[in-house]
Amino acid sequence: MQPNINSTIQLISRGHNMSLPTFIGIGAPKSGSTSLYHYLREHPDVFMSPKKATNFFAWAGTPPTFCGPGDDDRENRGTVLTLEEYQSIFDAAGDAKARGEVSPVYFHIHGTAERIKQTIPDVKLIVLLRNPVEVAYSRFLHARRDDCEPFESFEQAIKAEEERRRLGWGPLFWYIEGGFYYKHLRPYFELFDQSQIKIKLYEEFKTDTIGVMQDIYKFIGANPNFTPKITKRYNESTIYTHTYLQKFLLLNPIRTIGRSIIPPGIRITIRNALLQKKARKPSLHPRTRRRLIEVYRDDIRQLSDLIERDLSAWYDEPSSFRSHRRSEA
């Protein structure tokens, strides 16, 4: 039988020497977590899991069985299911002052907060939060980019979400559900001391990346004076114009062969070079934006109280959208 979270607790209680993270980035998805991972990895005091997301605490030793387009490959690829494998990742940390991983799926998988608390009660948690309306649309563009979303219309996709979740489609397709931040973040605040949780907003991460990262470095016990290289943007959600080439490269047999013979860094370079011509990022329709603002308004207000931050900008319509509304009347 494979060791699970309970095995971890038993081993810790018996005094076994465990190499486990001192910090974890738990999300939220599409809020800068890939950039966060790379900027953390640059720091000489920090050891990061070689693969960004281990997803270990999400699935509790049981492989996920989501059945949406591409879910099997996406959710299982690189996921760590056993204690031995998870520990072995951090055995390589040496004398690093801080060691960690970034798994955005931890943000909204039920029971994850409890499993982390039981296993690493003193761990520090990093959370990046972005306007949930923007995140919902970014998830959709991500799925379209990877040729996983059957609908071309975002509005059609969100109408289908409830039925898709009932059928077992995975987290990538939880466009609306994923944005209820108060609901997803509250268990962490109930279980962990607030001093263990560092909340950063995507807007400040984008405009003051170095300042935010240096504050995070200090939070995890690394030298806060280190300056990361911030010129590269990671994991943008856009749609490529080379749709047929994109579909060919994303075929499972092609991806499987590529992963077996080409190192990850080279694969990414080749893929980006071949698909470098991007279409202009389509805009979210103002009417859909307004509808989603109302969907999230109460949750945003509760989140604002929870994290003690003013989030009113997330539900106050920009003047450009108010003008558009008047023109529709």
C-alpha atoms as a PDB file:
ATOM      1  CA  MET A   1       0.000   0.000   0.000  1.00  0.00           C
ATOM      2  CA  GLN A   2       1.298   3.452  -0.905  1.00  0.00           C
ATOM      3  CA  PRO A   3       2.116   5.770   2.031  1.00  0.00           C
ATOM      4  CA  ASN A   4      -0.348   8.637   2.357  1.00  0.00           C
ATOM      5  CA  ILE A   5      -0.745  11.731   4.513  1.00  0.00           C
ATOM      6  CA  ASN A   6      -1.501   9.651   7.601  1.00  0.00           C
ATOM      7  CA  SER A   7       1.784   7.807   7.052  1.00  0.00           C
ATOM      8  CA  THR A   8       3.558  11.153   7.060  1.00  0.00           C
ATOM      9  CA  ILE A   9       2.046  12.096  10.406  1.00  0.00           C
ATOM     10  CA  GLN A  10       2.995   8.759  11.924  1.00  0.00           C
ATOM     11  CA  LEU A  11       6.585   9.037  10.752  1.00  0.00           C
ATOM     12  CA  ILE A  12       6.917  12.570  12.103  1.00  0.00           C
ATOM     13  CA  SER A  13       5.481  11.566  15.473  1.00  0.00           C
ATOM     14  CA  ARG A  14       8.008   8.724  15.696  1.00  0.00           C
ATOM     15  CA  GLY A  15      10.877  11.149  15.262  1.00  0.00           C
ATOM     16  CA  HIS A  16      11.883  10.271  11.716  1.00  0.00           C
ATOM     17  CA  ASN A  17      14.026  12.868   9.974  1.00  0.00           C
ATOM     18  CA  MET A  18      11.755  14.382   7.346  1.00  0.00           C
ATOM     19  CA  SER A  19      12.853  16.715   4.569  1.00  0.00           C
ATOM     20  CA  LEU A  20       9.735  18.747   3.938  1.00  0.00           C
ATOM     21  CA  PRO A  21       9.048  22.266   2.636  1.00  0.00           C
ATOM     22  CA  THR A  22       9.417  25.281   4.873  1.00  0.00           C
ATOM     23  CA  PHE A  23       7.028  27.211   2.619  1.00  0.00           C
ATOM     24  CA  ILE A  24       4.395  26.482  -0.023  1.00  0.00           C
ATOM     25  CA  GLY A  25       2.825  28.682  -2.677  1.00  0.00           C
ATOM     26  CA  ILE A  26      -0.821  27.619  -2.682  1.00  0.00           C
ATOM     27  CA  GLY A  27      -2.209  29.787  -5.498  1.00  0.00           C
ATOM     28  CA  ALA A  28      -4.476  31.219  -6.610  1.00  0.00           C
ATOM     29  CA  PRO A  29      -4.296  29.860 -10.177  1.00  0.00           C
ATOM     30  CA  LYS A  30      -3.650  32.345 -13.011  1.00  0.00           C
ATOM     31  CA  SER A  31      -2.462  34.970 -10.538  1.00  0.00           C
ATOM     32  CA  GLY A  32       1.275  34.918 -11.182  1.00  0.00           C
ATOM     33  CA  SER A  33       2.206  31.598  -9.567  1.00  0.00           C
ATOM     34  CA  THR A  34       4.510  30.537 -12.417  1.00  0.00           C
ATOM     35  CA  SER A  35       6.466  33.790 -12.187  1.00  0.00           C
ATOM     36  CA  LEU A  36       6.545  33.430  -8.403  1.00  0.00           C
ATOM     37  CA  TYR A  37       8.040  29.956  -8.752  1.00  0.00           C
ATOM     38  CA  HIS A  38      10.800  31.124 -11.077  1.00  0.00           C
ATOM     39  CA  TYR A  39      11.666  34.207  -9.007  1.00  0.00           C
ATOM     40  CA  LEU A  40      11.910  32.039  -5.896  1.00  0.00           C
ATOM     41  CA  ARG A  41      14.037  29.529  -7.754  1.00  0.00           C
ATOM     42  CA  GLU A  42      16.531  32.250  -8.712  1.00  0.00           C
ATOM     43  CA  HIS A  43      17.370  33.025  -5.079  1.00  0.00           C
ATOM     44  CA  PRO A  44      20.610  31.378  -3.859  1.00  0.00           C
ATOM     45  CA  ASP A  45      19.136  30.789  -0.393  1.00  0.00           C
ATOM     46  CA  VAL A  46      16.081  28.970  -1.719  1.00  0.00           C
ATOM     47  CA  PHE A  47      15.561  25.415  -2.914  1.00  0.00           C
ATOM     48  CA  MET A  48      12.497  24.851  -5.099  1.00  0.00           C
ATOM     49  CA  SER A  49      11.053  21.551  -6.250  1.00  0.00           C
ATOM     50  CA  PRO A  50      12.449  20.950  -9.764  1.00  0.00           C
ATOM     51  CA  LYS A  51       8.896  20.778 -11.081  1.00  0.00           C
ATOM     52  CA  LYS A  52       6.732  23.727 -10.136  1.00  0.00           C
ATOM     53  CA  ALA A  53       3.688  21.792  -8.878  1.00  0.00           C
ATOM     54  CA  THR A  54       3.928  18.510  -6.988  1.00  0.00           C
ATOM     55  CA  ASN A  55       0.192  18.567  -6.071  1.00  0.00           C
ATOM     56  CA  PHE A  56       1.048  16.136  -3.261  1.00  0.00           C
ATOM     57  CA  PHE A  57      -1.331  17.486  -0.623  1.00  0.00           C
ATOM     58  CA  ALA A  58      -4.243  17.860  -3.044  1.00  0.00           C
ATOM     59  CA  TRP A  59      -4.819  14.214  -3.865  1.00  0.00           C
ATOM     60  CA  ALA A  60      -3.765  12.530  -0.587  1.00  0.00           C
ATOM     61  CA  GLY A  61      -2.054   9.600  -2.278  1.00  0.00           C
ATOM     62  CA  THR A  62      -4.848   8.853  -4.756  1.00  0.00           C
ATOM     63  CA  PRO A  63      -4.402   9.763  -8.444  1.00  0.00           C
ATOM     64  CA  PRO A  64      -7.024  12.269  -9.655  1.00  0.00           C
ATOM     65  CA  THR A  65      -9.647  10.888 -12.022  1.00  0.00           C
ATOM     66  CA  PHE A  66     -10.917  13.987 -13.795  1.00  0.00           C
ATOM     67  CA  CYS A  67     -12.302  13.347 -17.254  1.00  0.00           C
ATOM     68  CA  GLY A  68     -12.333  16.681 -19.110  1.00  0.00           C
ATOM     69  CA  PRO A  69     -10.316  17.209 -22.323  1.00  0.00           C
ATOM     70  CA  GLY A  70      -6.644  16.689 -21.488  1.00  0.00           C
ATOM     71  CA  ASP A  71      -7.339  16.223 -17.760  1.00  0.00           C
ATOM     72  CA  ASP A  72      -5.668  12.837 -17.478  1.00  0.00           C
ATOM     73  CA  ASP A  73      -2.375  14.087 -18.865  1.00  0.00           C
ATOM     74  CA  ARG A  74      -2.515  17.524 -17.242  1.00  0.00           C
ATOM     75  CA  GLU A  75      -3.539  16.568 -13.697  1.00  0.00           C
ATOM     76  CA  ASN A  76      -1.405  13.429 -13.413  1.00  0.00           C
ATOM     77  CA  ARG A  77       1.777  14.574 -15.150  1.00  0.00           C
ATOM     78  CA  GLY A  78       4.443  15.052 -12.493  1.00  0.00           C
ATOM     79  CA  THR A  79       2.010  14.685  -9.587  1.00  0.00           C
ATOM     80  CA  VAL A  80       3.643  13.208  -6.491  1.00  0.00           C
ATOM     81  CA  LEU A  81       1.562  10.563  -4.729  1.00  0.00           C
ATOM     82  CA  THR A  82       3.884   8.926  -2.203  1.00  0.00           C
ATOM     83  CA  LEU A  83       5.613  10.203   0.897  1.00  0.00           C
ATOM     84  CA  GLU A  84       8.965   8.781  -0.184  1.00  0.00           C
ATOM     85  CA  GLU A  85       8.890  10.605  -3.497  1.00  0.00           C
ATOM     86  CA  TYR A  86       7.795  13.861  -1.897  1.00  0.00           C
ATOM     87  CA  GLN A  87      10.494  13.664   0.749  1.00  0.00           C
ATOM     88  CA  SER A  88      13.150  12.779  -1.821  1.00  0.00           C
ATOM     89  CA  ILE A  89      12.473  16.044  -3.650  1.00  0.00           C
ATOM     90  CA  PHE A  90      13.537  18.075  -0.617  1.00  0.00           C
ATOM     91  CA  ASP A  91      16.367  15.748   0.389  1.00  0.00           C
ATOM     92  CA  ALA A  92      18.287  17.519  -2.359  1.00  0.00           C
ATOM     93  CA  ALA A  93      17.897  20.926  -0.682  1.00  0.00           C
ATOM     94  CA  GLY A  94      21.232  20.669   1.139  1.00  0.00           C
ATOM     95  CA  ASP A  95      21.808  23.661   3.414  1.00  0.00           C
ATOM     96  CA  ALA A  96      19.291  25.934   1.708  1.00  0.00           C
ATOM     97  CA  LYS A  97      17.734  28.397   4.169  1.00  0.00           C
ATOM     98  CA  ALA A  98      14.300  27.856   2.666  1.00  0.00           C
ATOM     99  CA  ARG A  99      12.774  25.073   0.608  1.00  0.00           C
ATOM    100  CA  GLY A 100       9.429  25.016  -1.083  1.00  0.00           C
ATOM    101  CA  GLU A 101       7.063  24.331  -3.920  1.00  0.00           C
ATOM    102  CA  VAL A 102       4.215  26.124  -5.709  1.00  0.00           C
ATOM    103  CA  SER A 103       1.042  24.126  -6.369  1.00  0.00           C
ATOM    104  CA  PRO A 104      -1.907  26.394  -7.288  1.00  0.00           C
ATOM    105  CA  VAL A 105      -4.318  23.460  -7.151  1.00  0.00           C
ATOM    106  CA  TYR A 106      -3.933  23.509  -3.355  1.00  0.00           C
ATOM    107  CA  PHE A 107      -6.051  26.651  -3.303  1.00  0.00           C
ATOM    108  CA  HIS A 108      -9.375  25.023  -4.106  1.00  0.00           C
ATOM    109  CA  ILE A 109      -9.170  21.259  -3.536  1.00  0.00           C
ATOM    110  CA  HIS A 110     -11.249  20.352  -0.500  1.00  0.00           C
ATOM    111  CA  GLY A 111      -9.230  19.028   2.442  1.00  0.00           C
ATOM    112  CA  THR A 112      -5.851  20.309   1.267  1.00  0.00           C
ATOM    113  CA  ALA A 113      -5.502  22.876   4.050  1.00  0.00           C
ATOM    114  CA  GLU A 114      -6.137  20.184   6.655  1.00  0.00           C
ATOM    115  CA  ARG A 115      -3.573  17.820   5.121  1.00  0.00           C
ATOM    116  CA  ILE A 116      -0.899  20.520   5.030  1.00  0.00           C
ATOM    117  CA  LYS A 117      -1.634  21.514   8.624  1.00  0.00           C
ATOM    118  CA  GLN A 118      -1.437  17.925   9.858  1.00  0.00           C
ATOM    119  CA  THR A 119       1.849  17.318   8.063  1.00  0.00           C
ATOM    120  CA  ILE A 120       3.767  20.610   8.264  1.00  0.00           C
ATOM    121  CA  PRO A 121       2.020  22.719  10.938  1.00  0.00           C
ATOM    122  CA  ASP A 122       4.704  25.430  10.959  1.00  0.00           C
ATOM    123  CA  VAL A 123       4.931  25.844   7.175  1.00  0.00           C
ATOM    124  CA  LYS A 124       4.643  29.319   5.669  1.00  0.00           C
ATOM    125  CA  LEU A 125       2.048  29.868   2.953  1.00  0.00           C
ATOM    126  CA  ILE A 126       2.238  32.298   0.028  1.00  0.00           C
ATOM    127  CA  VAL A 127      -0.955  33.400  -1.716  1.00  0.00           C
ATOM    128  CA  LEU A 128      -1.263  35.557  -4.830  1.00  0.00           C
ATOM    129  CA  LEU A 129      -4.760  36.873  -5.524  1.00  0.00           C
ATOM    130  CA  ARG A 130      -6.053  38.432  -8.732  1.00  0.00           C
ATOM    131  CA  ASN A 131      -9.442  39.871  -9.628  1.00  0.00           C
ATOM    132  CA  PRO A 132     -11.566  36.699  -9.942  1.00  0.00           C
ATOM    133  CA  VAL A 133     -13.319  38.011 -13.055  1.00  0.00           C
ATOM    134  CA  GLU A 134      -9.956  38.350 -14.806  1.00  0.00           C
ATOM    135  CA  VAL A 135      -8.899  34.926 -13.538  1.00  0.00           C
ATOM    136  CA  ALA A 136     -12.051  33.234 -14.839  1.00  0.00           C
ATOM    137  CA  TYR A 137     -11.466  34.633 -18.305  1.00  0.00           C
ATOM    138  CA  SER A 138      -7.733  33.891 -18.165  1.00  0.00           C
ATOM    139  CA  ARG A 139      -8.494  30.246 -17.337  1.00  0.00           C
ATOM    140  CA  PHE A 140     -10.740  30.086 -20.398  1.00  0.00           C
ATOM    141  CA  LEU A 141      -8.022  31.581 -22.640  1.00  0.00           C
ATOM    142  CA  HIS A 142      -5.514  29.126 -21.160  1.00  0.00           C
ATOM    143  CA  ALA A 143      -7.787  26.202 -22.037  1.00  0.00           C
ATOM    144  CA  ARG A 144      -8.342  27.600 -25.528  1.00  0.00           C
ATOM    145  CA  ARG A 145      -4.597  28.099 -25.955  1.00  0.00           C
ATOM    146  CA  ASP A 146      -3.968  24.459 -25.075  1.00  0.00           C
ATOM    147  CA  ASP A 147      -6.823  23.312 -27.335  1.00  0.00           C
ATOM    148  CA  CYS A 148      -8.748  21.817 -24.405  1.00  0.00           C
ATOM    149  CA  GLU A 149     -11.811  24.061 -24.383  1.00  0.00           C
ATOM    150  CA  PRO A 150     -14.394  22.937 -26.980  1.00  0.00           C
ATOM    151  CA  PHE A 151     -16.342  26.217 -26.928  1.00  0.00           C
ATOM    152  CA  GLU A 152     -15.010  29.306 -28.677  1.00  0.00           C
ATOM    153  CA  SER A 153     -17.302  31.488 -26.561  1.00  0.00           C
ATOM    154  CA  PHE A 154     -16.489  32.171 -22.911  1.00  0.00           C
ATOM    155  CA  GLU A 155     -20.173  32.692 -22.251  1.00  0.00           C
ATOM    156  CA  GLN A 156     -20.989  29.203 -23.566  1.00  0.00           C
ATOM    157  CA  ALA A 157     -18.214  27.699 -21.454  1.00  0.00           C
ATOM    158  CA  ILE A 158     -19.388  29.232 -18.184  1.00  0.00           C
ATOM    159  CA  LYS A 159     -22.966  28.138 -18.885  1.00  0.00           C
ATOM    160  CA  ALA A 160     -21.655  24.576 -19.202  1.00  0.00           C
ATOM    161  CA  GLU A 161     -19.489  24.713 -16.070  1.00  0.00           C
ATOM    162  CA  GLU A 162     -21.932  23.289 -13.540  1.00  0.00           C
ATOM    163  CA  GLU A 163     -22.694  20.283 -15.741  1.00  0.00           C
ATOM    164  CA  ARG A 164     -18.996  19.765 -16.493  1.00  0.00           C
ATOM    165  CA  ARG A 165     -18.129  19.726 -12.813  1.00  0.00           C
ATOM    166  CA  ARG A 166     -20.914  17.218 -12.215  1.00  0.00           C
ATOM    167  CA  LEU A 167     -19.403  15.025 -14.928  1.00  0.00           C
ATOM    168  CA  GLY A 168     -15.920  15.264 -13.384  1.00  0.00           C
ATOM    169  CA  TRP A 169     -14.051  17.823 -15.479  1.00  0.00           C
ATOM    170  CA  GLY A 170     -10.886  19.052 -13.762  1.00  0.00           C
ATOM    171  CA  PRO A 171      -9.861  22.338 -12.104  1.00  0.00           C
ATOM    172  CA  LEU A 172      -8.764  24.067 -15.324  1.00  0.00           C
ATOM    173  CA  PHE A 173     -12.438  24.252 -16.314  1.00  0.00           C
ATOM    174  CA  TRP A 174     -13.668  25.614 -12.963  1.00  0.00           C
ATOM    175  CA  TYR A 175     -13.777  29.106 -14.414  1.00  0.00           C
ATOM    176  CA  ILE A 176     -16.355  30.509 -11.998  1.00  0.00           C
ATOM    177  CA  GLU A 177     -15.976  28.184  -9.002  1.00  0.00           C
ATOM    178  CA  GLY A 178     -12.246  28.842  -8.772  1.00  0.00           C
ATOM    179  CA  GLY A 179     -12.839  32.538  -8.132  1.00  0.00           C
ATOM    180  CA  PHE A 180     -14.673  32.261  -4.807  1.00  0.00           C
ATOM    181  CA  TYR A 181     -11.537  33.177  -2.895  1.00  0.00           C
ATOM    182  CA  TYR A 182     -13.095  33.708   0.522  1.00  0.00           C
ATOM    183  CA  LYS A 183     -14.640  30.255   0.384  1.00  0.00           C
ATOM    184  CA  HIS A 184     -11.349  28.637  -0.622  1.00  0.00           C
ATOM    185  CA  LEU A 185      -9.018  30.670   1.580  1.00  0.00           C
ATOM    186  CA  ARG A 186     -11.033  30.600   4.809  1.00  0.00           C
ATOM    187  CA  PRO A 187      -9.916  27.049   5.824  1.00  0.00           C
ATOM    188  CA  TYR A 188      -6.280  28.199   5.765  1.00  0.00           C
ATOM    189  CA  PHE A 189      -7.060  31.155   8.041  1.00  0.00           C
ATOM    190  CA  GLU A 190      -8.976  28.872  10.387  1.00  0.00           C
ATOM    191  CA  LEU A 191      -6.122  26.354  10.651  1.00  0.00           C
ATOM    192  CA  PHE A 192      -2.953  28.444  10.437  1.00  0.00           C
ATOM    193  CA  ASP A 193      -1.798  31.459  12.395  1.00  0.00           C
ATOM    194  CA  GLN A 194      -2.157  34.556  10.263  1.00  0.00           C
ATOM    195  CA  SER A 195       1.582  35.235  10.671  1.00  0.00           C
ATOM    196  CA  GLN A 196       2.193  32.099   8.575  1.00  0.00           C
ATOM    197  CA  ILE A 197       0.237  33.421   5.591  1.00  0.00           C
ATOM    198  CA  LYS A 198       1.590  36.026   3.186  1.00  0.00           C
ATOM    199  CA  ILE A 199      -1.074  37.543   0.933  1.00  0.00           C
ATOM    200  CA  LYS A 200      -0.072  39.517  -2.148  1.00  0.00           C
ATOM    201  CA  LEU A 201      -2.341  40.989  -4.799  1.00  0.00           C
ATOM    202  CA  TYR A 202      -1.619  40.390  -8.459  1.00  0.00           C
ATOM    203  CA  GLU A 203      -1.833  44.125  -9.167  1.00  0.00           C
ATOM    204  CA  GLU A 204       1.008  44.938  -6.760  1.00  0.00           C
ATOM    205  CA  PHE A 205       2.977  41.882  -7.888  1.00  0.00           C
ATOM    206  CA  LYS A 206       2.758  43.171 -11.463  1.00  0.00           C
ATOM    207  CA  THR A 207       3.615  46.806 -10.768  1.00  0.00           C
ATOM    208  CA  ASP A 208       6.243  46.294  -8.033  1.00  0.00           C
ATOM    209  CA  THR A 209       7.561  42.810  -8.707  1.00  0.00           C
ATOM    210  CA  ILE A 210      10.954  43.311  -7.066  1.00  0.00           C
ATOM    211  CA  GLY A 211       9.461  44.898  -3.946  1.00  0.00           C
ATOM    212  CA  VAL A 212       6.899  42.122  -3.572  1.00  0.00           C
ATOM    213  CA  MET A 213       9.482  39.391  -4.115  1.00  0.00           C
ATOM    214  CA  GLN A 214      11.888  40.901  -1.610  1.00  0.00           C
ATOM    215  CA  ASP A 215       9.099  40.973   0.965  1.00  0.00           C
ATOM    216  CA  ILE A 216       8.388  37.312   0.201  1.00  0.00           C
ATOM    217  CA  TYR A 217      12.088  36.448   0.475  1.00  0.00           C
ATOM    218  CA  LYS A 218      12.127  38.013   3.933  1.00  0.00           C
ATOM    219  CA  PHE A 219       8.948  36.134   4.875  1.00  0.00           C
ATOM    220  CA  ILE A 220      10.482  32.737   4.062  1.00  0.00           C
ATOM    221  CA  GLY A 221      13.817  33.483   5.742  1.00  0.00           C
ATOM    222  CA  ALA A 222      15.932  34.226   2.668  1.00  0.00           C
ATOM    223  CA  ASN A 223      18.095  37.301   2.062  1.00  0.00           C
ATOM    224  CA  PRO A 224      15.566  40.058   1.274  1.00  0.00           C
ATOM    225  CA  ASN A 225      18.114  42.139  -0.653  1.00  0.00           C
ATOM    226  CA  PHE A 226      18.329  39.705  -3.564  1.00  0.00           C
ATOM    227  CA  THR A 227      16.982  41.115  -6.844  1.00  0.00           C
ATOM    228  CA  PRO A 228      15.313  38.628  -9.216  1.00  0.00           C
ATOM    229  CA  LYS A 229      15.397  38.955 -12.988  1.00  0.00           C
ATOM    230  CA  ILE A 230      11.904  40.094 -13.895  1.00  0.00           C
ATOM    231  CA  THR A 231      12.178  40.740 -17.628  1.00  0.00           C
ATOM    232  CA  LYS A 232      10.579  37.445 -18.677  1.00  0.00           C
ATOM    233  CA  ARG A 233       6.811  36.836 -18.476  1.00  0.00           C
ATOM    234  CA  TYR A 234       5.673  33.312 -17.713  1.00  0.00           C
ATOM    235  CA  ASN A 235       2.601  31.305 -18.704  1.00  0.00           C
ATOM    236  CA  GLU A 236       0.616  34.040 -20.443  1.00  0.00           C
ATOM    237  CA  SER A 237      -2.920  33.105 -21.420  1.00  0.00           C
ATOM    238  CA  THR A 238      -3.349  34.030 -25.043  1.00  0.00           C
ATOM    239  CA  ILE A 239      -4.354  32.344 -28.277  1.00  0.00           C
ATOM    240  CA  TYR A 240      -1.870  31.494 -31.020  1.00  0.00           C
ATOM    241  CA  THR A 241      -2.573  32.157 -34.669  1.00  0.00           C
ATOM    242  CA  HIS A 242      -0.902  28.909 -35.803  1.00  0.00           C
ATOM    243  CA  THR A 243      -3.867  26.799 -34.732  1.00  0.00           C
ATOM    244  CA  TYR A 244      -3.116  23.729 -36.852  1.00  0.00           C
ATOM    245  CA  LEU A 245       0.538  23.633 -35.814  1.00  0.00           C
ATOM    246  CA  GLN A 246      -0.533  24.157 -32.223  1.00  0.00           C
ATOM    247  CA  LYS A 247      -2.981  21.258 -32.362  1.00  0.00           C
ATOM    248  CA  PHE A 248      -0.309  18.991 -33.878  1.00  0.00           C
ATOM    249  CA  LEU A 249       2.197  19.844 -31.138  1.00  0.00           C
ATOM    250  CA  LEU A 250      -0.388  19.267 -28.416  1.00  0.00           C
ATOM    251  CA  LEU A 251      -1.427  15.799 -29.607  1.00  0.00           C
ATOM    252  CA  ASN A 252      -0.808  13.326 -26.770  1.00  0.00           C
ATOM    253  CA  PRO A 253       1.484  11.011 -28.815  1.00  0.00           C
ATOM    254  CA  ILE A 254       3.612  13.956 -29.933  1.00  0.00           C
ATOM    255  CA  ARG A 255       3.850  15.353 -26.406  1.00  0.00           C
ATOM    256  CA  THR A 256       4.697  11.934 -24.969  1.00  0.00           C
ATOM    257  CA  ILE A 257       7.520  11.378 -27.455  1.00  0.00           C
ATOM    258  CA  GLY A 258       8.821  14.902 -26.908  1.00  0.00           C
ATOM    259  CA  ARG A 259       8.925  14.529 -23.129  1.00  0.00           C
ATOM    260  CA  SER A 260      10.848  11.267 -23.398  1.00  0.00           C
ATOM    261  CA  ILE A 261      13.671  12.536 -25.603  1.00  0.00           C
ATOM    262  CA  ILE A 262      13.909  16.327 -25.176  1.00  0.00           C
ATOM    263  CA  PRO A 263      14.831  18.083 -21.907  1.00  0.00           C
ATOM    264  CA  PRO A 264      12.059  20.336 -20.487  1.00  0.00           C
ATOM    265  CA  GLY A 265      13.875  23.640 -21.051  1.00  0.00           C
ATOM    266  CA  ILE A 266      14.617  22.842 -24.680  1.00  0.00           C
ATOM    267  CA  ARG A 267      11.033  21.665 -25.267  1.00  0.00           C
ATOM    268  CA  ILE A 268       9.676  24.978 -24.019  1.00  0.00           C
ATOM    269  CA  THR A 269      12.123  26.956 -26.161  1.00  0.00           C
ATOM    270  CA  ILE A 270      11.195  25.002 -29.294  1.00  0.00           C
ATOM    271  CA  ARG A 271       7.471  25.271 -28.620  1.00  0.00           C
ATOM    272  CA  ASN A 272       7.617  29.014 -28.004  1.00  0.00           C
ATOM    273  CA  ALA A 273       9.690  29.576 -31.120  1.00  0.00           C
ATOM    274  CA  LEU A 274       7.257  27.650 -33.307  1.00  0.00           C
ATOM    275  CA  LEU A 275       4.219  29.323 -31.791  1.00  0.00           C
ATOM    276  CA  GLN A 276       5.666  32.776 -31.298  1.00  0.00           C
ATOM    277  CA  LYS A 277       3.090  34.537 -33.466  1.00  0.00           C
ATOM    278  CA  LYS A 278       0.189  35.228 -31.142  1.00  0.00           C
ATOM    279  CA  ALA A 279      -3.251  36.528 -31.880  1.00  0.00           C
ATOM    280  CA  ARG A 280      -4.297  39.707 -30.116  1.00  0.00           C
ATOM    281  CA  LYS A 281      -5.702  38.756 -26.726  1.00  0.00           C
ATOM    282  CA  PRO A 282      -9.493  38.992 -27.060  1.00  0.00           C
ATOM    283  CA  SER A 283     -11.273  41.214 -24.567  1.00  0.00           C
ATOM    284  CA  LEU A 284     -13.922  40.095 -22.118  1.00  0.00           C
ATOM    285  CA  HIS A 285     -17.320  41.462 -23.150  1.00  0.00           C
ATOM    286  CA  PRO A 286     -18.399  44.284 -20.778  1.00  0.00           C
ATOM    287  CA  ARG A 287     -21.823  42.692 -20.255  1.00  0.00           C
ATOM    288  CA  THR A 288     -20.200  39.408 -19.160  1.00  0.00           C
ATOM    289  CA  ARG A 289     -17.805  41.307 -16.931  1.00  0.00           C
ATOM    290  CA  ARG A 290     -20.673  43.068 -15.169  1.00  0.00           C
ATOM    291  CA  ARG A 291     -22.517  39.796 -14.648  1.00  0.00           C
ATOM    292  CA  LEU A 292     -19.450  38.154 -13.102  1.00  0.00           C
ATOM    293  CA  ILE A 293     -18.818  41.141 -10.858  1.00  0.00           C
ATOM    294  CA  GLU A 294     -22.242  40.546  -9.341  1.00  0.00           C
ATOM    295  CA  VAL A 295     -21.509  36.825  -8.987  1.00  0.00           C
ATOM    296  CA  TYR A 296     -18.379  37.545  -6.957  1.00  0.00           C
ATOM    297  CA  ARG A 297     -19.332  40.756  -5.132  1.00  0.00           C
ATOM    298  CA  ASP A 298     -20.326  39.215  -1.771  1.00  0.00           C
ATOM    299  CA  ASP A 299     -17.376  36.809  -1.752  1.00  0.00           C
ATOM    300  CA  ILE A 300     -14.972  39.676  -2.497  1.00  0.00           C
ATOM    301  CA  ARG A 301     -16.374  41.703   0.395  1.00  0.00           C
ATOM    302  CA  GLN A 302     -15.970  38.755   2.767  1.00  0.00           C
ATOM    303  CA  LEU A 303     -12.443  38.177   1.479  1.00  0.00           C
ATOM    304  CA  SER A 304     -11.632  41.845   2.025  1.00  0.00           C
ATOM    305  CA  ASP A 305     -12.566  41.494   5.700  1.00  0.00           C
ATOM    306  CA  LEU A 306     -10.655  38.220   6.008  1.00  0.00           C
ATOM    307  CA  ILE A 307      -7.343  39.513   4.641  1.00  0.00           C
ATOM    308  CA  GLU A 308      -7.888  43.121   5.784  1.00  0.00           C
ATOM    309  CA  ARG A 309      -7.313  44.597   2.343  1.00  0.00           C
ATOM    310  CA  ASP A 310      -9.439  47.008   0.306  1.00  0.00           C
ATOM    311  CA  LEU A 311     -10.632  45.037  -2.730  1.00  0.00           C
ATOM    312  CA  SER A 312     -13.368  47.394  -3.878  1.00  0.00           C
ATOM    313  CA  ALA A 313     -11.523  47.983  -7.155  1.00  0.00           C
ATOM    314  CA  TRP A 314     -12.421  44.420  -8.111  1.00  0.00           C
ATOM    315  CA  TYR A 315     -16.139  45.159  -8.147  1.00  0.00           C
ATOM    316  CA  ASP A 316     -16.168  48.878  -9.001  1.00  0.00           C
ATOM    317  CA  GLU A 317     -16.553  49.136 -12.757  1.00  0.00           C
ATOM    318  CA  PRO A 318     -13.827  51.142 -14.540  1.00  0.00           C
ATOM    319  CA  SER A 319     -15.101  54.329 -16.204  1.00  0.00           C
ATOM    320  CA  SER A 320     -14.596  52.780 -19.654  1.00  0.00           C
ATOM    321  CA  PHE A 321     -17.140  50.036 -18.838  1.00  0.00           C
ATOM    322  CA  ARG A 322     -19.617  52.524 -17.375  1.00  0.00           C
ATOM    323  CA  SER A 323     -19.358  54.512 -20.601  1.00  0.00           C
ATOM    324  CA  HIS A 324     -19.917  51.339 -22.608  1.00  0.00           C
ATOM    325  CA  ARG A 325     -23.021  50.567 -20.531  1.00  0.00           C
ATOM    326  CA  ARG A 326     -24.480  54.015 -21.290  1.00  0.00           C
ATOM    327  CA  SER A 327     -23.818  53.499 -25.003  1.00  0.00           C
ATOM    328  CA  GLU A 328     -25.721  50.175 -24.854  1.00  0.00           C
ATOM    329  CA  ALA A 329     -28.779  51.829 -23.303  1.00  0.00           C
END
